[in-house]
Amino acid sequence: MTQQMTGPEAGDLEASSPACCPAEGAVQRQDGPEVAELSPAVHAFLKAMASPARQRVMLLFAHGAELNVGQVAEATGLAQPRASEQLAELRRGGILTSRKDGKTVLYRADKQATTAALAELQAYLQHCC
């Protein structure tokens, strides 16, 4: 549960920003431009990885595995609709990609998108923390 600060404490927090960090929370990306916050892609990535169930699903995609929803449901013990929901959230988070093979949708890890999200998150954390 997050506690929101009001009154003098909230203003004091802004005034006491460390000298190493820009006053408005801007972050210098490795490729140059400053950003005030993480991109929507990184927010989606973090949301997708926040679930222990989705973390378990991701382990199935090691070594370039390509699986359909039925295979994921069977391997994880999730009901097929629940497995489908988890796969959809991982896809929205840029962690999985999908392709159709006839009527079957096959999922696989999107290493490039995951690497990009992690690089942005790492740059953000190096500058803010």
Protein backbone atom coordinates (compact mmCIF):
# COMPACT_ATOMS: atom_id res chain seq x y z
CA MET A 1 0.00 0.00 0.00
CA THR A 2 1.41 3.38 -0.98
CA GLN A 3 1.15 6.30 1.37
CA GLN A 4 0.77 9.69 -0.27
CA MET A 5 2.56 12.55 1.43
CA THR A 6 0.86 15.88 1.79
CA GLY A 7 1.82 19.11 3.45
CA PRO A 8 5.38 20.22 4.16
CA GLU A 9 6.85 16.71 3.88
CA ALA A 10 5.94 16.45 0.20
CA GLY A 11 7.64 19.75 -0.65
CA ASP A 12 10.69 18.85 1.43
CA LEU A 13 11.16 15.67 -0.57
CA GLU A 14 11.37 17.62 -3.84
CA ALA A 15 13.69 20.23 -2.37
CA SER A 16 16.07 17.60 -1.04
CA SER A 17 16.74 15.87 -4.39
CA PRO A 18 20.34 14.70 -4.58
CA ALA A 19 22.67 16.82 -6.69
CA CYS A 20 23.39 13.79 -8.89
CA CYS A 21 19.80 13.65 -10.12
CA PRO A 22 18.04 16.26 -12.28
CA ALA A 23 15.48 18.29 -10.34
CA GLU A 24 12.50 17.11 -12.38
CA GLY A 25 13.55 13.46 -12.38
CA ALA A 26 14.81 13.51 -15.96
CA VAL A 27 16.95 10.54 -16.91
CA GLN A 28 19.72 10.65 -19.49
CA ARG A 29 19.31 7.59 -21.70
CA GLN A 30 22.38 5.91 -23.06
CA ASP A 31 21.32 6.97 -26.56
CA GLY A 32 21.06 10.63 -25.57
CA PRO A 33 17.66 12.20 -24.86
CA GLU A 34 16.44 12.82 -21.32
CA VAL A 35 13.18 11.31 -20.15
CA ALA A 36 11.14 12.29 -17.12
CA GLU A 37 9.85 8.78 -16.55
CA LEU A 38 9.97 5.27 -17.88
CA SER A 39 8.36 4.62 -21.24
CA PRO A 40 4.95 2.93 -21.53
CA ALA A 41 6.76 -0.13 -22.91
CA VAL A 42 8.78 -0.48 -19.71
CA HIS A 43 5.67 0.03 -17.57
CA ALA A 44 3.96 -2.77 -19.52
CA PHE A 45 7.08 -4.95 -19.15
CA LEU A 46 7.14 -4.45 -15.37
CA LYS A 47 3.43 -5.15 -15.07
CA ALA A 48 3.81 -8.35 -17.07
CA MET A 49 6.71 -9.58 -14.94
CA ALA A 50 5.02 -8.67 -11.63
CA SER A 51 2.99 -11.88 -11.51
CA PRO A 52 4.52 -15.11 -10.15
CA ALA A 53 2.25 -17.05 -12.53
CA ARG A 54 3.62 -15.16 -15.52
CA GLN A 55 7.16 -15.65 -14.25
CA ARG A 56 6.53 -19.41 -14.21
CA VAL A 57 5.10 -19.23 -17.74
CA MET A 58 8.20 -17.39 -18.96
CA LEU A 59 10.45 -20.22 -17.82
CA LEU A 60 8.77 -22.43 -20.42
CA PHE A 61 10.18 -20.29 -23.21
CA ALA A 62 13.84 -20.92 -22.43
CA HIS A 63 16.18 -21.76 -25.31
CA GLY A 64 13.84 -20.40 -27.99
CA ALA A 65 10.87 -22.66 -27.25
CA GLU A 66 7.71 -21.92 -29.20
CA LEU A 67 4.48 -23.04 -27.52
CA ASN A 68 0.73 -22.75 -27.97
CA VAL A 69 -1.74 -21.97 -25.19
CA GLY A 70 -2.63 -25.63 -24.67
CA GLN A 71 1.00 -26.56 -24.11
CA VAL A 72 1.45 -23.69 -21.65
CA ALA A 73 -1.73 -24.67 -19.77
CA GLU A 74 -0.62 -28.29 -19.54
CA ALA A 75 2.93 -27.47 -18.43
CA THR A 76 1.84 -24.96 -15.77
CA GLY A 77 -1.36 -26.62 -14.54
CA LEU A 78 -3.34 -23.48 -15.38
CA ALA A 79 -6.77 -23.71 -16.95
CA GLN A 80 -6.56 -22.88 -20.65
CA PRO A 81 -8.45 -19.54 -20.33
CA ARG A 82 -6.13 -18.49 -17.49
CA ALA A 83 -3.05 -19.52 -19.48
CA SER A 84 -4.37 -17.49 -22.41
CA GLU A 85 -4.77 -14.43 -20.14
CA GLN A 86 -1.20 -14.81 -18.88
CA LEU A 87 0.15 -15.13 -22.41
CA ALA A 88 -1.78 -12.05 -23.52
CA GLU A 89 -0.36 -9.98 -20.65
CA LEU A 90 3.17 -11.15 -21.45
CA ARG A 91 2.59 -10.23 -25.09
CA ARG A 92 1.30 -6.76 -24.11
CA GLY A 93 4.42 -6.40 -21.98
CA GLY A 94 6.65 -7.04 -24.99
CA ILE A 95 8.05 -10.17 -23.40
CA LEU A 96 6.44 -12.62 -25.82
CA THR A 97 5.70 -12.43 -29.48
CA SER A 98 3.20 -14.57 -31.35
CA ARG A 99 2.51 -15.89 -34.81
CA LYS A 100 -0.28 -17.90 -36.36
CA ASP A 101 0.32 -21.35 -37.78
CA GLY A 102 -3.03 -22.22 -39.35
CA LYS A 103 -5.54 -21.92 -36.50
CA THR A 104 -2.89 -22.25 -33.80
CA VAL A 105 -1.19 -19.25 -32.19
CA LEU A 106 2.40 -19.94 -31.23
CA TYR A 107 4.23 -17.84 -28.64
CA ARG A 108 7.95 -17.32 -28.11
CA ALA A 109 10.13 -15.01 -26.03
CA ASP A 110 10.91 -11.64 -27.61
CA LYS A 111 14.54 -11.29 -26.61
CA GLN A 112 15.06 -7.99 -28.44
CA ALA A 113 12.11 -6.20 -26.77
CA THR A 114 13.02 -7.63 -23.37
CA THR A 115 16.63 -6.50 -23.76
CA ALA A 116 15.50 -2.99 -24.72
CA ALA A 117 13.13 -2.73 -21.72
CA LEU A 118 15.83 -3.96 -19.35
CA ALA A 119 18.37 -1.49 -20.77
CA GLU A 120 15.97 1.42 -20.27
CA LEU A 121 15.15 0.27 -16.75
CA GLN A 122 18.84 -0.13 -15.92
CA ALA A 123 19.64 3.38 -17.21
CA TYR A 124 16.74 4.79 -15.19
CA LEU A 125 17.88 3.06 -12.01
CA GLN A 126 21.51 4.11 -12.47
CA HIS A 127 20.46 7.75 -12.64
CA CYS A 128 17.82 7.82 -9.96
CA CYS A 129 19.33 5.55 -7.35
